[in-house]
């Protein structure tokens, strides 16, 4: 049922961006055509900062609100 994926490559290719976006996307509620799932982000280098994933989540919520014409407070209830 669960899956583990390893992403590797040279620095600056967008691996962190990709993984953070996937972590946000998998949690989109089913009512908004998402999976309503859960994600774990494992940082093996100790460089994780919450600021970037918050920006990604905020942008995703904004996009969902525009697409489905819903209010922000009603998305995750």
C-alpha atoms as a PDB file:
ATOM      1  CA  UNK A   1       0.000   0.000   0.000  1.00  0.00           C
ATOM      2  CA  UNK A   2       2.687   2.536   0.969  1.00  0.00           C
ATOM      3  CA  UNK A   3       5.438   3.615  -1.338  1.00  0.00           C
ATOM      4  CA  UNK A   4       8.945   4.969  -0.868  1.00  0.00           C
ATOM      5  CA  UNK A   5      10.644   6.975  -3.583  1.00  0.00           C
ATOM      6  CA  UNK A   6      14.225   8.173  -3.599  1.00  0.00           C
ATOM      7  CA  UNK A   7      15.087  11.279  -5.590  1.00  0.00           C
ATOM      8  CA  UNK A   8      18.746  11.933  -6.262  1.00  0.00           C
ATOM      9  CA  UNK A   9      20.818  14.110  -8.522  1.00  0.00           C
ATOM     10  CA  UNK A  10      23.120  17.088  -8.664  1.00  0.00           C
ATOM     11  CA  UNK A  11      22.508  20.189  -6.557  1.00  0.00           C
ATOM     12  CA  UNK A  12      20.151  22.807  -7.962  1.00  0.00           C
ATOM     13  CA  UNK A  13      18.011  20.520 -10.115  1.00  0.00           C
ATOM     14  CA  UNK A  14      14.802  21.098  -8.123  1.00  0.00           C
ATOM     15  CA  UNK A  15      14.679  17.884  -6.106  1.00  0.00           C
ATOM     16  CA  UNK A  16      13.625  19.687  -2.921  1.00  0.00           C
ATOM     17  CA  UNK A  17      11.016  21.748  -4.780  1.00  0.00           C
ATOM     18  CA  UNK A  18       9.575  18.614  -6.387  1.00  0.00           C
ATOM     19  CA  UNK A  19       9.370  16.708  -3.108  1.00  0.00           C
ATOM     20  CA  UNK A  20       7.792  19.592  -1.215  1.00  0.00           C
ATOM     21  CA  UNK A  21       5.190  20.123  -3.953  1.00  0.00           C
ATOM     22  CA  UNK A  22       4.356  16.413  -3.968  1.00  0.00           C
ATOM     23  CA  UNK A  23       3.967  16.430  -0.177  1.00  0.00           C
ATOM     24  CA  UNK A  24       1.503  19.301  -0.456  1.00  0.00           C
ATOM     25  CA  UNK A  25      -0.380  17.865  -3.459  1.00  0.00           C
ATOM     26  CA  UNK A  26      -1.006  14.458  -1.918  1.00  0.00           C
ATOM     27  CA  UNK A  27      -2.858  16.151   0.959  1.00  0.00           C
ATOM     28  CA  UNK A  28      -5.412  17.939  -1.230  1.00  0.00           C
ATOM     29  CA  UNK A  29      -8.828  16.760   0.001  1.00  0.00           C
ATOM     30  CA  UNK A  30     -10.829  14.300  -2.092  1.00  0.00           C
ATOM     31  CA  UNK A  31     -13.650  16.849  -2.278  1.00  0.00           C
ATOM     32  CA  UNK A  32     -11.299  18.959  -4.410  1.00  0.00           C
ATOM     33  CA  UNK A  33     -10.248  16.011  -6.612  1.00  0.00           C
ATOM     34  CA  UNK A  34      -7.190  15.295  -4.482  1.00  0.00           C
ATOM     35  CA  UNK A  35      -6.029  12.142  -2.752  1.00  0.00           C
ATOM     36  CA  UNK A  36      -6.661  13.291   0.814  1.00  0.00           C
ATOM     37  CA  UNK A  37      -3.500  11.448   1.766  1.00  0.00           C
ATOM     38  CA  UNK A  38      -0.527  11.931   4.032  1.00  0.00           C
ATOM     39  CA  UNK A  39       3.153  12.486   3.385  1.00  0.00           C
ATOM     40  CA  UNK A  40       6.423  12.304   5.261  1.00  0.00           C
ATOM     41  CA  UNK A  41       9.338  14.476   4.182  1.00  0.00           C
ATOM     42  CA  UNK A  42      12.683  13.063   5.283  1.00  0.00           C
ATOM     43  CA  UNK A  43      15.585  15.517   5.092  1.00  0.00           C
ATOM     44  CA  UNK A  44      18.855  13.622   5.288  1.00  0.00           C
ATOM     45  CA  UNK A  45      21.022  16.750   5.133  1.00  0.00           C
ATOM     46  CA  UNK A  46      19.413  18.795   7.917  1.00  0.00           C
ATOM     47  CA  UNK A  47      18.752  21.737   5.615  1.00  0.00           C
ATOM     48  CA  UNK A  48      14.937  21.723   5.743  1.00  0.00           C
ATOM     49  CA  UNK A  49      13.257  25.048   6.409  1.00  0.00           C
ATOM     50  CA  UNK A  50       9.526  25.336   6.782  1.00  0.00           C
ATOM     51  CA  UNK A  51       9.303  28.701   4.992  1.00  0.00           C
ATOM     52  CA  UNK A  52       9.423  27.238   1.485  1.00  0.00           C
ATOM     53  CA  UNK A  53       6.854  24.504   2.061  1.00  0.00           C
ATOM     54  CA  UNK A  54       4.535  27.075   3.652  1.00  0.00           C
ATOM     55  CA  UNK A  55       4.853  29.203   0.506  1.00  0.00           C
ATOM     56  CA  UNK A  56       4.079  26.174  -1.660  1.00  0.00           C
ATOM     57  CA  UNK A  57       1.085  25.208   0.484  1.00  0.00           C
ATOM     58  CA  UNK A  58      -0.280  28.771   0.478  1.00  0.00           C
ATOM     59  CA  UNK A  59       0.050  28.988  -3.308  1.00  0.00           C
ATOM     60  CA  UNK A  60      -1.652  25.609  -3.710  1.00  0.00           C
ATOM     61  CA  UNK A  61      -4.533  26.645  -1.470  1.00  0.00           C
ATOM     62  CA  UNK A  62      -4.911  29.907  -3.403  1.00  0.00           C
ATOM     63  CA  UNK A  63      -5.029  27.986  -6.691  1.00  0.00           C
ATOM     64  CA  UNK A  64      -7.616  25.555  -5.325  1.00  0.00           C
ATOM     65  CA  UNK A  65      -9.778  28.431  -4.096  1.00  0.00           C
ATOM     66  CA  UNK A  66      -9.681  30.001  -7.557  1.00  0.00           C
ATOM     67  CA  UNK A  67     -10.339  26.735  -9.387  1.00  0.00           C
ATOM     68  CA  UNK A  68     -13.190  25.572  -7.211  1.00  0.00           C
ATOM     69  CA  UNK A  69     -14.443  29.003  -6.106  1.00  0.00           C
ATOM     70  CA  UNK A  70     -14.367  28.101  -2.443  1.00  0.00           C
ATOM     71  CA  UNK A  71     -13.258  30.083   0.572  1.00  0.00           C
ATOM     72  CA  UNK A  72      -9.891  29.284   2.134  1.00  0.00           C
ATOM     73  CA  UNK A  73     -11.387  28.404   5.502  1.00  0.00           C
ATOM     74  CA  UNK A  74     -13.699  25.774   3.986  1.00  0.00           C
ATOM     75  CA  UNK A  75     -11.067  23.782   2.094  1.00  0.00           C
ATOM     76  CA  UNK A  76      -9.729  21.638   4.916  1.00  0.00           C
ATOM     77  CA  UNK A  77     -12.848  21.226   7.066  1.00  0.00           C
END
